[in-house]
Every structure is written in structure tokens, then in C-alpha cells.
């Protein structure tokens, strides 16, 4: 939520398997920070769990053994969040449950001029 890097520092950001552990009330702070540290035309790759809702799961399918917090998003919901911060969607794909234990969405966004 507060990255220790200067503005326009990175050409790209790879956020795989992490944003869904951030509360929905804080996810805008994360995307705003992505926008701050990424250069114009820089690319963000993000993966998240498809669905709705959020909360602690006692024994999640994709991480068994101890409770963890998960926030689920619809593809359009995540696209809208990034769009509201000046990112354009470049590409997306869905990974089936057989691979990760849940349906995961991978999306790529570019910071617009």
C-alpha cells in the first residue's frame, strides 16, 4: 500500500497470487500505488480469484492447513477498478480450477498516458 520506490520507477509490475489477500476496502490503495510507481505505458500483470465476497476461510482449497483471508472479484469488477485509475486492459485469461484449486483470472493492464 506504500511502496518504497519513486514515482514512475518501474516498467512493469507482476502481482501474482497476492492482491486477493488484500481487503476490498484497501484494494484501491494498492492500485493507486501501482499507478504511482509504474511508468506511463508500463504494464501490470495481476492474478486474482474469480467470484464474489471476501473473508477468512478456515481451510481454503488452494492453501490448505491454516486460515487465510481471500477477496474474490469478477473480471468486470477488476477491470473497472484498474480503469478508474487510468489503466487500459490489454489481455486476460482464466485458469480452470484443476490448476489452482479455484478459478483464477490473469489480467494485463497498461498505464495510459
PDB file of N, CA and C in Angstrom:
ATOM      1  N   UNK A   1       0.816  -1.199   0.000  1.00  0.00           N
ATOM      2  CA  UNK A   1       0.000   0.000   0.000  1.00  0.00           C
ATOM      3  C   UNK A   1       0.855   1.257   0.000  1.00  0.00           C
ATOM      4  N   UNK A   2       2.105   1.106   0.418  1.00  0.00           N
ATOM      5  CA  UNK A   2       3.059   2.215   0.405  1.00  0.00           C
ATOM      6  C   UNK A   2       4.418   1.660  -0.016  1.00  0.00           C
ATOM      7  N   UNK A   3       4.636   1.600  -1.314  1.00  0.00           N
ATOM      8  CA  UNK A   3       5.874   1.027  -1.832  1.00  0.00           C
ATOM      9  C   UNK A   3       7.033   2.014  -1.680  1.00  0.00           C
ATOM     10  N   UNK A   4       8.211   1.538  -1.289  1.00  0.00           N
ATOM     11  CA  UNK A   4       9.354   2.421  -1.052  1.00  0.00           C
ATOM     12  C   UNK A   4      10.130   2.743  -2.333  1.00  0.00           C
ATOM     13  N   UNK A   5       9.416   3.180  -3.374  1.00  0.00           N
ATOM     14  CA  UNK A   5      10.042   3.491  -4.650  1.00  0.00           C
ATOM     15  C   UNK A   5       9.541   4.850  -5.134  1.00  0.00           C
ATOM     16  N   UNK A   6      10.366   5.487  -5.964  1.00  0.00           N
ATOM     17  CA  UNK A   6       9.990   6.781  -6.524  1.00  0.00           C
ATOM     18  C   UNK A   6       8.869   6.629  -7.542  1.00  0.00           C
ATOM     19  N   UNK A   7       8.215   7.736  -7.823  1.00  0.00           N
ATOM     20  CA  UNK A   7       7.189   7.801  -8.863  1.00  0.00           C
ATOM     21  C   UNK A   7       7.820   7.394 -10.199  1.00  0.00           C
ATOM     22  N   UNK A   8       7.041   6.693 -11.025  1.00  0.00           N
ATOM     23  CA  UNK A   8       7.485   6.292 -12.373  1.00  0.00           C
ATOM     24  C   UNK A   8       8.786   5.477 -12.342  1.00  0.00           C
ATOM     25  N   UNK A   9       8.908   4.590 -11.391  1.00  0.00           N
ATOM     26  CA  UNK A   9      10.131   3.825 -11.185  1.00  0.00           C
ATOM     27  C   UNK A   9      10.194   2.558 -12.042  1.00  0.00           C
ATOM     28  N   UNK A  10       9.079   1.854 -12.177  1.00  0.00           N
ATOM     29  CA  UNK A  10       9.070   0.539 -12.832  1.00  0.00           C
ATOM     30  C   UNK A  10       8.464   0.575 -14.227  1.00  0.00           C
ATOM     31  N   UNK A  11       8.960  -0.312 -15.090  1.00  0.00           N
ATOM     32  CA  UNK A  11       8.356  -0.535 -16.405  1.00  0.00           C
ATOM     33  C   UNK A  11       7.191  -1.511 -16.306  1.00  0.00           C
ATOM     34  N   UNK A  12       7.198  -2.360 -15.281  1.00  0.00           N
ATOM     35  CA  UNK A  12       6.137  -3.341 -15.122  1.00  0.00           C
ATOM     36  C   UNK A  12       6.028  -3.814 -13.685  1.00  0.00           C
ATOM     37  N   UNK A  13       4.866  -4.365 -13.374  1.00  0.00           N
ATOM     38  CA  UNK A  13       4.602  -4.932 -12.054  1.00  0.00           C
ATOM     39  C   UNK A  13       3.968  -6.301 -12.255  1.00  0.00           C
ATOM     40  N   UNK A  14       4.483  -7.295 -11.546  1.00  0.00           N
ATOM     41  CA  UNK A  14       3.932  -8.647 -11.578  1.00  0.00           C
ATOM     42  C   UNK A  14       3.319  -8.916 -10.212  1.00  0.00           C
ATOM     43  N   UNK A  15       2.008  -9.028 -10.159  1.00  0.00           N
ATOM     44  CA  UNK A  15       1.298  -9.265  -8.897  1.00  0.00           C
ATOM     45  C   UNK A  15       0.530 -10.573  -9.034  1.00  0.00           C
ATOM     46  N   UNK A  16       1.186 -11.648  -8.671  1.00  0.00           N
ATOM     47  CA  UNK A  16       0.603 -12.975  -8.847  1.00  0.00           C
ATOM     48  C   UNK A  16       0.281 -13.587  -7.489  1.00  0.00           C
ATOM     49  N   UNK A  17      -0.989 -13.893  -7.278  1.00  0.00           N
ATOM     50  CA  UNK A  17      -1.386 -14.583  -6.060  1.00  0.00           C
ATOM     51  C   UNK A  17      -1.263 -13.747  -4.806  1.00  0.00           C
ATOM     52  N   UNK A  18      -1.454 -12.440  -4.925  1.00  0.00           N
ATOM     53  CA  UNK A  18      -1.311 -11.617  -3.725  1.00  0.00           C
ATOM     54  C   UNK A  18      -2.465 -10.635  -3.503  1.00  0.00           C
ATOM     55  N   UNK A  19      -2.981 -10.034  -4.555  1.00  0.00           N
ATOM     56  CA  UNK A  19      -3.991  -8.990  -4.360  1.00  0.00           C
ATOM     57  C   UNK A  19      -5.261  -9.543  -3.710  1.00  0.00           C
ATOM     58  N   UNK A  20      -5.515 -10.821  -3.864  1.00  0.00           N
ATOM     59  CA  UNK A  20      -6.715 -11.383  -3.238  1.00  0.00           C
ATOM     60  C   UNK A  20      -6.558 -11.598  -1.734  1.00  0.00           C
ATOM     61  N   UNK A  21      -5.399 -11.251  -1.199  1.00  0.00           N
ATOM     62  CA  UNK A  21      -5.223 -11.270   0.250  1.00  0.00           C
ATOM     63  C   UNK A  21      -5.357  -9.870   0.851  1.00  0.00           C
ATOM     64  N   UNK A  22      -5.685  -8.888   0.019  1.00  0.00           N
ATOM     65  CA  UNK A  22      -5.911  -7.505   0.450  1.00  0.00           C
ATOM     66  C   UNK A  22      -7.420  -7.293   0.568  1.00  0.00           C
ATOM     67  N   UNK A  23      -7.847  -6.638   1.630  1.00  0.00           N
ATOM     68  CA  UNK A  23      -9.282  -6.394   1.788  1.00  0.00           C
ATOM     69  C   UNK A  23      -9.815  -5.546   0.643  1.00  0.00           C
ATOM     70  N   UNK A  24     -11.071  -5.741   0.315  1.00  0.00           N
ATOM     71  CA  UNK A  24     -11.679  -4.954  -0.755  1.00  0.00           C
ATOM     72  C   UNK A  24     -11.667  -3.464  -0.420  1.00  0.00           C
ATOM     73  N   UNK A  25     -11.718  -3.128   0.861  1.00  0.00           N
ATOM     74  CA  UNK A  25     -11.683  -1.721   1.247  1.00  0.00           C
ATOM     75  C   UNK A  25     -10.298  -1.103   1.018  1.00  0.00           C
ATOM     76  N   UNK A  26      -9.252  -1.922   0.914  1.00  0.00           N
ATOM     77  CA  UNK A  26      -7.894  -1.418   0.692  1.00  0.00           C
ATOM     78  C   UNK A  26      -7.379  -1.610  -0.732  1.00  0.00           C
ATOM     79  N   UNK A  27      -8.088  -2.335  -1.575  1.00  0.00           N
ATOM     80  CA  UNK A  27      -7.537  -2.659  -2.896  1.00  0.00           C
ATOM     81  C   UNK A  27      -7.326  -1.409  -3.747  1.00  0.00           C
ATOM     82  N   UNK A  28      -8.128  -0.385  -3.568  1.00  0.00           N
ATOM     83  CA  UNK A  28      -7.918   0.857  -4.337  1.00  0.00           C
ATOM     84  C   UNK A  28      -6.597   1.515  -3.955  1.00  0.00           C
ATOM     85  N   UNK A  29      -6.193   1.396  -2.701  1.00  0.00           N
ATOM     86  CA  UNK A  29      -4.898   1.935  -2.268  1.00  0.00           C
ATOM     87  C   UNK A  29      -3.756   1.222  -2.989  1.00  0.00           C
ATOM     88  N   UNK A  30      -3.900  -0.086  -3.172  1.00  0.00           N
ATOM     89  CA  UNK A  30      -2.879  -0.877  -3.861  1.00  0.00           C
ATOM     90  C   UNK A  30      -2.784  -0.443  -5.318  1.00  0.00           C
ATOM     91  N   UNK A  31      -3.914  -0.327  -5.993  1.00  0.00           N
ATOM     92  CA  UNK A  31      -3.907   0.058  -7.416  1.00  0.00           C
ATOM     93  C   UNK A  31      -3.394   1.487  -7.579  1.00  0.00           C
ATOM     94  N   UNK A  32      -3.758   2.365  -6.673  1.00  0.00           N
ATOM     95  CA  UNK A  32      -3.263   3.751  -6.713  1.00  0.00           C
ATOM     96  C   UNK A  32      -1.733   3.764  -6.573  1.00  0.00           C
ATOM     97  N   UNK A  33      -1.206   2.898  -5.728  1.00  0.00           N
ATOM     98  CA  UNK A  33       0.243   2.812  -5.537  1.00  0.00           C
ATOM     99  C   UNK A  33       0.912   2.207  -6.771  1.00  0.00           C
ATOM    100  N   UNK A  34       0.270   1.224  -7.392  1.00  0.00           N
ATOM    101  CA  UNK A  34       0.776   0.703  -8.673  1.00  0.00           C
ATOM    102  C   UNK A  34       0.905   1.849  -9.669  1.00  0.00           C
ATOM    103  N   UNK A  35      -0.137   2.665  -9.764  1.00  0.00           N
ATOM    104  CA  UNK A  35      -0.127   3.780 -10.717  1.00  0.00           C
ATOM    105  C   UNK A  35       1.009   4.749 -10.406  1.00  0.00           C
ATOM    106  N   UNK A  36       1.260   5.000  -9.152  1.00  0.00           N
ATOM    107  CA  UNK A  36       2.308   5.948  -8.773  1.00  0.00           C
ATOM    108  C   UNK A  36       3.699   5.452  -9.178  1.00  0.00           C
ATOM    109  N   UNK A  37       3.992   4.172  -8.954  1.00  0.00           N
ATOM    110  CA  UNK A  37       5.356   3.679  -9.156  1.00  0.00           C
ATOM    111  C   UNK A  37       5.635   3.154 -10.570  1.00  0.00           C
ATOM    112  N   UNK A  38       4.596   3.004 -11.383  1.00  0.00           N
ATOM    113  CA  UNK A  38       4.814   2.475 -12.736  1.00  0.00           C
ATOM    114  C   UNK A  38       4.890   3.623 -13.734  1.00  0.00           C
ATOM    115  N   UNK A  39       5.773   3.465 -14.716  1.00  0.00           N
ATOM    116  CA  UNK A  39       5.946   4.481 -15.754  1.00  0.00           C
ATOM    117  C   UNK A  39       4.726   4.503 -16.679  1.00  0.00           C
ATOM    118  N   UNK A  40       4.509   5.630 -17.332  1.00  0.00           N
ATOM    119  CA  UNK A  40       3.477   5.709 -18.358  1.00  0.00           C
ATOM    120  C   UNK A  40       3.780   4.656 -19.420  1.00  0.00           C
ATOM    121  N   UNK A  41       2.770   3.958 -19.853  1.00  0.00           N
ATOM    122  CA  UNK A  41       2.865   2.826 -20.787  1.00  0.00           C
ATOM    123  C   UNK A  41       3.382   1.559 -20.106  1.00  0.00           C
ATOM    124  N   UNK A  42       3.661   1.605 -18.799  1.00  0.00           N
ATOM    125  CA  UNK A  42       4.085   0.415 -18.071  1.00  0.00           C
ATOM    126  C   UNK A  42       2.935  -0.576 -17.948  1.00  0.00           C
ATOM    127  N   UNK A  43       3.280  -1.838 -17.733  1.00  0.00           N
ATOM    128  CA  UNK A  43       2.289  -2.915 -17.706  1.00  0.00           C
ATOM    129  C   UNK A  43       2.219  -3.546 -16.316  1.00  0.00           C
ATOM    130  N   UNK A  44       0.991  -3.800 -15.871  1.00  0.00           N
ATOM    131  CA  UNK A  44       0.729  -4.525 -14.630  1.00  0.00           C
ATOM    132  C   UNK A  44       0.105  -5.864 -14.998  1.00  0.00           C
ATOM    133  N   UNK A  45       0.691  -6.946 -14.513  1.00  0.00           N
ATOM    134  CA  UNK A  45       0.096  -8.279 -14.650  1.00  0.00           C
ATOM    135  C   UNK A  45      -0.421  -8.670 -13.276  1.00  0.00           C
ATOM    136  N   UNK A  46      -1.673  -9.074 -13.224  1.00  0.00           N
ATOM    137  CA  UNK A  46      -2.298  -9.365 -11.933  1.00  0.00           C
ATOM    138  C   UNK A  46      -3.120 -10.646 -12.045  1.00  0.00           C
ATOM    139  N   UNK A  47      -3.071 -11.451 -11.005  1.00  0.00           N
ATOM    140  CA  UNK A  47      -3.946 -12.623 -10.955  1.00  0.00           C
ATOM    141  C   UNK A  47      -4.797 -12.519  -9.695  1.00  0.00           C
ATOM    142  N   UNK A  48      -6.021 -13.008  -9.806  1.00  0.00           N
ATOM    143  CA  UNK A  48      -6.947 -12.952  -8.676  1.00  0.00           C
ATOM    144  C   UNK A  48      -7.940 -14.089  -8.781  1.00  0.00           C
ATOM    145  N   UNK A  49      -8.620 -14.360  -7.687  1.00  0.00           N
ATOM    146  CA  UNK A  49      -9.614 -15.428  -7.641  1.00  0.00           C
ATOM    147  C   UNK A  49     -10.956 -14.892  -8.122  1.00  0.00           C
ATOM    148  N   UNK A  50     -11.570 -15.639  -9.007  1.00  0.00           N
ATOM    149  CA  UNK A  50     -12.881 -15.257  -9.535  1.00  0.00           C
ATOM    150  C   UNK A  50     -13.980 -15.608  -8.544  1.00  0.00           C
ATOM    151  N   UNK A  51     -14.901 -14.697  -8.383  1.00  0.00           N
ATOM    152  CA  UNK A  51     -16.039 -14.939  -7.510  1.00  0.00           C
ATOM    153  C   UNK A  51     -16.503 -13.647  -6.872  1.00  0.00           C
ATOM    154  N   UNK A  52     -17.247 -13.803  -5.796  1.00  0.00           N
ATOM    155  CA  UNK A  52     -17.769 -12.651  -5.072  1.00  0.00           C
ATOM    156  C   UNK A  52     -17.565 -12.866  -3.585  1.00  0.00           C
ATOM    157  N   UNK A  53     -17.410 -11.761  -2.871  1.00  0.00           N
ATOM    158  CA  UNK A  53     -17.282 -11.828  -1.422  1.00  0.00           C
ATOM    159  C   UNK A  53     -15.843 -11.747  -0.958  1.00  0.00           C
ATOM    160  N   UNK A  54     -15.696 -11.772   0.363  1.00  0.00           N
ATOM    161  CA  UNK A  54     -14.381 -11.719   0.986  1.00  0.00           C
ATOM    162  C   UNK A  54     -14.493 -12.204   2.423  1.00  0.00           C
ATOM    163  N   UNK A  55     -13.375 -12.636   2.982  1.00  0.00           N
ATOM    164  CA  UNK A  55     -13.350 -13.046   4.371  1.00  0.00           C
ATOM    165  C   UNK A  55     -12.321 -14.123   4.635  1.00  0.00           C
ATOM    166  N   UNK A  56     -12.225 -14.492   5.900  1.00  0.00           N
ATOM    167  CA  UNK A  56     -11.296 -15.546   6.315  1.00  0.00           C
ATOM    168  C   UNK A  56     -11.906 -16.903   5.960  1.00  0.00           C
ATOM    169  N   UNK A  57     -11.099 -17.739   5.328  1.00  0.00           N
ATOM    170  CA  UNK A  57     -11.521 -19.106   5.020  1.00  0.00           C
ATOM    171  C   UNK A  57     -10.718 -20.046   5.924  1.00  0.00           C
ATOM    172  N   UNK A  58     -11.410 -20.905   6.629  1.00  0.00           N
ATOM    173  CA  UNK A  58     -10.770 -21.792   7.604  1.00  0.00           C
ATOM    174  C   UNK A  58      -9.796 -22.767   6.950  1.00  0.00           C
ATOM    175  N   UNK A  59     -10.173 -23.322   5.814  1.00  0.00           N
ATOM    176  CA  UNK A  59      -9.341 -24.306   5.141  1.00  0.00           C
ATOM    177  C   UNK A  59      -9.501 -24.138   3.627  1.00  0.00           C
ATOM    178  N   UNK A  60      -8.903 -23.093   3.063  1.00  0.00           N
ATOM    179  CA  UNK A  60      -9.098 -22.816   1.637  1.00  0.00           C
ATOM    180  C   UNK A  60      -8.577 -23.932   0.743  1.00  0.00           C
ATOM    181  N   UNK A  61      -9.252 -24.120  -0.383  1.00  0.00           N
ATOM    182  CA  UNK A  61      -8.881 -25.172  -1.324  1.00  0.00           C
ATOM    183  C   UNK A  61      -7.460 -24.992  -1.851  1.00  0.00           C
ATOM    184  N   UNK A  62      -7.088 -23.753  -2.129  1.00  0.00           N
ATOM    185  CA  UNK A  62      -5.795 -23.511  -2.756  1.00  0.00           C
ATOM    186  C   UNK A  62      -4.660 -23.356  -1.749  1.00  0.00           C
ATOM    187  N   UNK A  63      -4.978 -23.390  -0.454  1.00  0.00           N
ATOM    188  CA  UNK A  63      -3.939 -23.272   0.575  1.00  0.00           C
ATOM    189  C   UNK A  63      -4.443 -23.952   1.831  1.00  0.00           C
ATOM    190  N   UNK A  64      -4.340 -25.251   1.841  1.00  0.00           N
ATOM    191  CA  UNK A  64      -4.891 -25.978   2.989  1.00  0.00           C
ATOM    192  C   UNK A  64      -3.938 -25.905   4.175  1.00  0.00           C
ATOM    193  N   UNK A  65      -4.495 -26.023   5.345  1.00  0.00           N
ATOM    194  CA  UNK A  65      -3.684 -26.098   6.529  1.00  0.00           C
ATOM    195  C   UNK A  65      -3.902 -25.009   7.548  1.00  0.00           C
ATOM    196  N   UNK A  66      -4.219 -23.816   7.117  1.00  0.00           N
ATOM    197  CA  UNK A  66      -4.454 -22.750   8.091  1.00  0.00           C
ATOM    198  C   UNK A  66      -5.359 -21.684   7.472  1.00  0.00           C
ATOM    199  N   UNK A  67      -6.067 -20.947   8.313  1.00  0.00           N
ATOM    200  CA  UNK A  67      -6.985 -19.923   7.817  1.00  0.00           C
ATOM    201  C   UNK A  67      -6.248 -18.818   7.062  1.00  0.00           C
ATOM    202  N   UNK A  68      -6.915 -18.292   6.045  1.00  0.00           N
ATOM    203  CA  UNK A  68      -6.372 -17.179   5.259  1.00  0.00           C
ATOM    204  C   UNK A  68      -7.514 -16.301   4.788  1.00  0.00           C
ATOM    205  N   UNK A  69      -7.188 -15.031   4.589  1.00  0.00           N
ATOM    206  CA  UNK A  69      -8.156 -14.071   4.060  1.00  0.00           C
ATOM    207  C   UNK A  69      -8.122 -14.114   2.533  1.00  0.00           C
ATOM    208  N   UNK A  70      -9.316 -14.090   1.914  1.00  0.00           N
ATOM    209  CA  UNK A  70      -9.431 -14.021   0.463  1.00  0.00           C
ATOM    210  C   UNK A  70     -10.502 -13.014   0.079  1.00  0.00           C
ATOM    211  N   UNK A  71     -10.227 -12.238  -0.948  1.00  0.00           N
ATOM    212  CA  UNK A  71     -11.215 -11.366  -1.593  1.00  0.00           C
ATOM    213  C   UNK A  71     -11.386 -11.880  -3.019  1.00  0.00           C
ATOM    214  N   UNK A  72     -12.622 -12.041  -3.422  1.00  0.00           N
ATOM    215  CA  UNK A  72     -12.944 -12.557  -4.755  1.00  0.00           C
ATOM    216  C   UNK A  72     -13.485 -11.423  -5.612  1.00  0.00           C
ATOM    217  N   UNK A  73     -13.158 -11.455  -6.894  1.00  0.00           N
ATOM    218  CA  UNK A  73     -13.577 -10.411  -7.828  1.00  0.00           C
ATOM    219  C   UNK A  73     -14.135 -11.037  -9.096  1.00  0.00           C
ATOM    220  N   UNK A  74     -15.047 -10.330  -9.708  1.00  0.00           N
ATOM    221  CA  UNK A  74     -15.464 -10.650 -11.067  1.00  0.00           C
ATOM    222  C   UNK A  74     -14.512  -9.942 -12.016  1.00  0.00           C
ATOM    223  N   UNK A  75     -14.340 -10.485 -13.191  1.00  0.00           N
ATOM    224  CA  UNK A  75     -13.432  -9.884 -14.172  1.00  0.00           C
ATOM    225  C   UNK A  75     -13.802  -8.422 -14.438  1.00  0.00           C
ATOM    226  N   UNK A  76     -15.082  -8.153 -14.663  1.00  0.00           N
ATOM    227  CA  UNK A  76     -15.529  -6.781 -14.931  1.00  0.00           C
ATOM    228  C   UNK A  76     -15.266  -5.852 -13.747  1.00  0.00           C
ATOM    229  N   UNK A  77     -15.363  -6.394 -12.547  1.00  0.00           N
ATOM    230  CA  UNK A  77     -15.105  -5.607 -11.342  1.00  0.00           C
ATOM    231  C   UNK A  77     -13.635  -5.163 -11.290  1.00  0.00           C
ATOM    232  N   UNK A  78     -12.717  -6.102 -11.557  1.00  0.00           N
ATOM    233  CA  UNK A  78     -11.295  -5.765 -11.534  1.00  0.00           C
ATOM    234  C   UNK A  78     -10.950  -4.818 -12.681  1.00  0.00           C
ATOM    235  N   UNK A  79     -11.558  -5.045 -13.837  1.00  0.00           N
ATOM    236  CA  UNK A  79     -11.316  -4.158 -14.968  1.00  0.00           C
ATOM    237  C   UNK A  79     -11.769  -2.740 -14.626  1.00  0.00           C
ATOM    238  N   UNK A  80     -12.910  -2.611 -13.973  1.00  0.00           N
ATOM    239  CA  UNK A  80     -13.419  -1.306 -13.572  1.00  0.00           C
ATOM    240  C   UNK A  80     -12.521  -0.612 -12.565  1.00  0.00           C
ATOM    241  N   UNK A  81     -11.980  -1.362 -11.627  1.00  0.00           N
ATOM    242  CA  UNK A  81     -11.064  -0.786 -10.638  1.00  0.00           C
ATOM    243  C   UNK A  81      -9.824  -0.206 -11.316  1.00  0.00           C
ATOM    244  N   UNK A  82      -9.203  -0.991 -12.180  1.00  0.00           N
ATOM    245  CA  UNK A  82      -7.997  -0.512 -12.858  1.00  0.00           C
ATOM    246  C   UNK A  82      -8.314   0.634 -13.811  1.00  0.00           C
ATOM    247  N   UNK A  83      -9.421   0.538 -14.506  1.00  0.00           N
ATOM    248  CA  UNK A  83      -9.836   1.611 -15.420  1.00  0.00           C
ATOM    249  C   UNK A  83     -10.020   2.933 -14.681  1.00  0.00           C
ATOM    250  N   UNK A  84     -10.563   2.878 -13.469  1.00  0.00           N
ATOM    251  CA  UNK A  84     -10.801   4.093 -12.696  1.00  0.00           C
ATOM    252  C   UNK A  84      -9.501   4.796 -12.303  1.00  0.00           C
ATOM    253  N   UNK A  85      -8.362   4.093 -12.399  1.00  0.00           N
ATOM    254  CA  UNK A  85      -7.064   4.685 -12.099  1.00  0.00           C
ATOM    255  C   UNK A  85      -6.237   4.930 -13.371  1.00  0.00           C
ATOM    256  N   UNK A  86      -6.890   4.886 -14.526  1.00  0.00           N
ATOM    257  CA  UNK A  86      -6.209   5.225 -15.764  1.00  0.00           C
ATOM    258  C   UNK A  86      -5.439   4.098 -16.423  1.00  0.00           C
ATOM    259  N   UNK A  87      -5.840   2.863 -16.154  1.00  0.00           N
ATOM    260  CA  UNK A  87      -5.221   1.712 -16.812  1.00  0.00           C
ATOM    261  C   UNK A  87      -6.168   1.177 -17.882  1.00  0.00           C
ATOM    262  N   UNK A  88      -5.603   0.706 -18.979  1.00  0.00           N
ATOM    263  CA  UNK A  88      -6.402   0.048 -20.015  1.00  0.00           C
ATOM    264  C   UNK A  88      -6.080  -1.446 -20.019  1.00  0.00           C
ATOM    265  N   UNK A  89      -7.101  -2.252 -20.214  1.00  0.00           N
ATOM    266  CA  UNK A  89      -6.902  -3.700 -20.257  1.00  0.00           C
ATOM    267  C   UNK A  89      -6.244  -4.086 -21.566  1.00  0.00           C
ATOM    268  N   UNK A  90      -5.224  -4.920 -21.481  1.00  0.00           N
ATOM    269  CA  UNK A  90      -4.530  -5.419 -22.666  1.00  0.00           C
ATOM    270  C   UNK A  90      -4.967  -6.827 -23.030  1.00  0.00           C
ATOM    271  N   UNK A  91      -5.088  -7.677 -22.011  1.00  0.00           N
ATOM    272  CA  UNK A  91      -5.383  -9.086 -22.269  1.00  0.00           C
ATOM    273  C   UNK A  91      -5.833  -9.733 -20.965  1.00  0.00           C
ATOM    274  N   UNK A  92      -6.524 -10.856 -21.085  1.00  0.00           N
ATOM    275  CA  UNK A  92      -6.898 -11.616 -19.898  1.00  0.00           C
ATOM    276  C   UNK A  92      -7.118 -13.079 -20.273  1.00  0.00           C
ATOM    277  N   UNK A  93      -6.975 -13.930 -19.277  1.00  0.00           N
ATOM    278  CA  UNK A  93      -7.291 -15.346 -19.468  1.00  0.00           C
ATOM    279  C   UNK A  93      -7.690 -15.932 -18.121  1.00  0.00           C
ATOM    280  N   UNK A  94      -8.493 -16.967 -18.179  1.00  0.00           N
ATOM    281  CA  UNK A  94      -8.967 -17.650 -16.980  1.00  0.00           C
ATOM    282  C   UNK A  94      -8.281 -18.998 -16.872  1.00  0.00           C
ATOM    283  N   UNK A  95      -7.819 -19.323 -15.666  1.00  0.00           N
ATOM    284  CA  UNK A  95      -7.224 -20.619 -15.402  1.00  0.00           C
ATOM    285  C   UNK A  95      -8.247 -21.478 -14.668  1.00  0.00           C
ATOM    286  N   UNK A  96      -8.465 -22.697 -15.132  1.00  0.00           N
ATOM    287  CA  UNK A  96      -9.502 -23.543 -14.524  1.00  0.00           C
ATOM    288  C   UNK A  96      -9.131 -24.027 -13.126  1.00  0.00           C
ATOM    289  N   UNK A  97     -10.137 -24.424 -12.407  1.00  0.00           N
ATOM    290  CA  UNK A  97      -9.993 -24.888 -11.035  1.00  0.00           C
ATOM    291  C   UNK A  97      -8.999 -26.042 -10.908  1.00  0.00           C
ATOM    292  N   UNK A  98      -8.891 -26.874 -11.905  1.00  0.00           N
ATOM    293  CA  UNK A  98      -7.992 -28.031 -11.841  1.00  0.00           C
ATOM    294  C   UNK A  98      -6.528 -27.619 -11.660  1.00  0.00           C
ATOM    295  N   UNK A  99      -6.192 -26.399 -12.079  1.00  0.00           N
ATOM    296  CA  UNK A  99      -4.804 -25.940 -11.989  1.00  0.00           C
ATOM    297  C   UNK A  99      -4.491 -25.368 -10.607  1.00  0.00           C
ATOM    298  N   UNK A 100      -5.354 -24.494 -10.093  1.00  0.00           N
ATOM    299  CA  UNK A 100      -5.046 -23.766  -8.860  1.00  0.00           C
ATOM    300  C   UNK A 100      -5.955 -24.082  -7.679  1.00  0.00           C
ATOM    301  N   UNK A 101      -6.950 -24.912  -7.852  1.00  0.00           N
ATOM    302  CA  UNK A 101      -7.872 -25.207  -6.761  1.00  0.00           C
ATOM    303  C   UNK A 101      -9.057 -24.264  -6.710  1.00  0.00           C
ATOM    304  N   UNK A 102      -8.978 -23.164  -7.405  1.00  0.00           N
ATOM    305  CA  UNK A 102     -10.052 -22.174  -7.577  1.00  0.00           C
ATOM    306  C   UNK A 102      -9.941 -21.659  -9.001  1.00  0.00           C
ATOM    307  N   UNK A 103     -10.973 -20.979  -9.471  1.00  0.00           N
ATOM    308  CA  UNK A 103     -10.860 -20.317 -10.769  1.00  0.00           C
ATOM    309  C   UNK A 103     -10.105 -19.016 -10.583  1.00  0.00           C
ATOM    310  N   UNK A 104      -8.986 -18.896 -11.279  1.00  0.00           N
ATOM    311  CA  UNK A 104      -8.157 -17.695 -11.221  1.00  0.00           C
ATOM    312  C   UNK A 104      -8.208 -16.963 -12.541  1.00  0.00           C
ATOM    313  N   UNK A 105      -8.166 -15.658 -12.463  1.00  0.00           N
ATOM    314  CA  UNK A 105      -8.153 -14.792 -13.638  1.00  0.00           C
ATOM    315  C   UNK A 105      -6.804 -14.095 -13.693  1.00  0.00           C
ATOM    316  N   UNK A 106      -6.196 -14.085 -14.852  1.00  0.00           N
ATOM    317  CA  UNK A 106      -4.970 -13.325 -15.087  1.00  0.00           C
ATOM    318  C   UNK A 106      -5.337 -12.174 -16.007  1.00  0.00           C
ATOM    319  N   UNK A 107      -4.911 -10.956 -15.651  1.00  0.00           N
ATOM    320  CA  UNK A 107      -5.195  -9.792 -16.489  1.00  0.00           C
ATOM    321  C   UNK A 107      -3.930  -8.945 -16.610  1.00  0.00           C
ATOM    322  N   UNK A 108      -3.789  -8.297 -17.767  1.00  0.00           N
ATOM    323  CA  UNK A 108      -2.695  -7.384 -18.025  1.00  0.00           C
ATOM    324  C   UNK A 108      -3.277  -6.022 -18.338  1.00  0.00           C
ATOM    325  N   UNK A 109      -2.720  -4.993 -17.689  1.00  0.00           N
ATOM    326  CA  UNK A 109      -3.171  -3.623 -17.878  1.00  0.00           C
ATOM    327  C   UNK A 109      -1.979  -2.734 -18.215  1.00  0.00           C
ATOM    328  N   UNK A 110      -2.237  -1.691 -18.997  1.00  0.00           N
ATOM    329  CA  UNK A 110      -1.222  -0.696 -19.308  1.00  0.00           C
ATOM    330  C   UNK A 110      -1.646   0.636 -18.718  1.00  0.00           C
ATOM    331  N   UNK A 111      -0.681   1.314 -18.102  1.00  0.00           N
ATOM    332  CA  UNK A 111      -0.942   2.662 -17.596  1.00  0.00           C
ATOM    333  C   UNK A 111      -1.043   3.610 -18.771  1.00  0.00           C
ATOM    334  N   UNK A 112      -2.194   4.250 -18.895  1.00  0.00           N
ATOM    335  CA  UNK A 112      -2.445   5.144 -20.026  1.00  0.00           C
ATOM    336  C   UNK A 112      -1.688   6.445 -19.867  1.00  0.00           C
ATOM    337  N   UNK A 113      -1.546   7.118 -20.973  1.00  0.00           N
ATOM    338  CA  UNK A 113      -0.879   8.435 -20.994  1.00  0.00           C
ATOM    339  C   UNK A 113      -1.712   9.445 -20.241  1.00  0.00           C
TER     340      UNK A 113
END
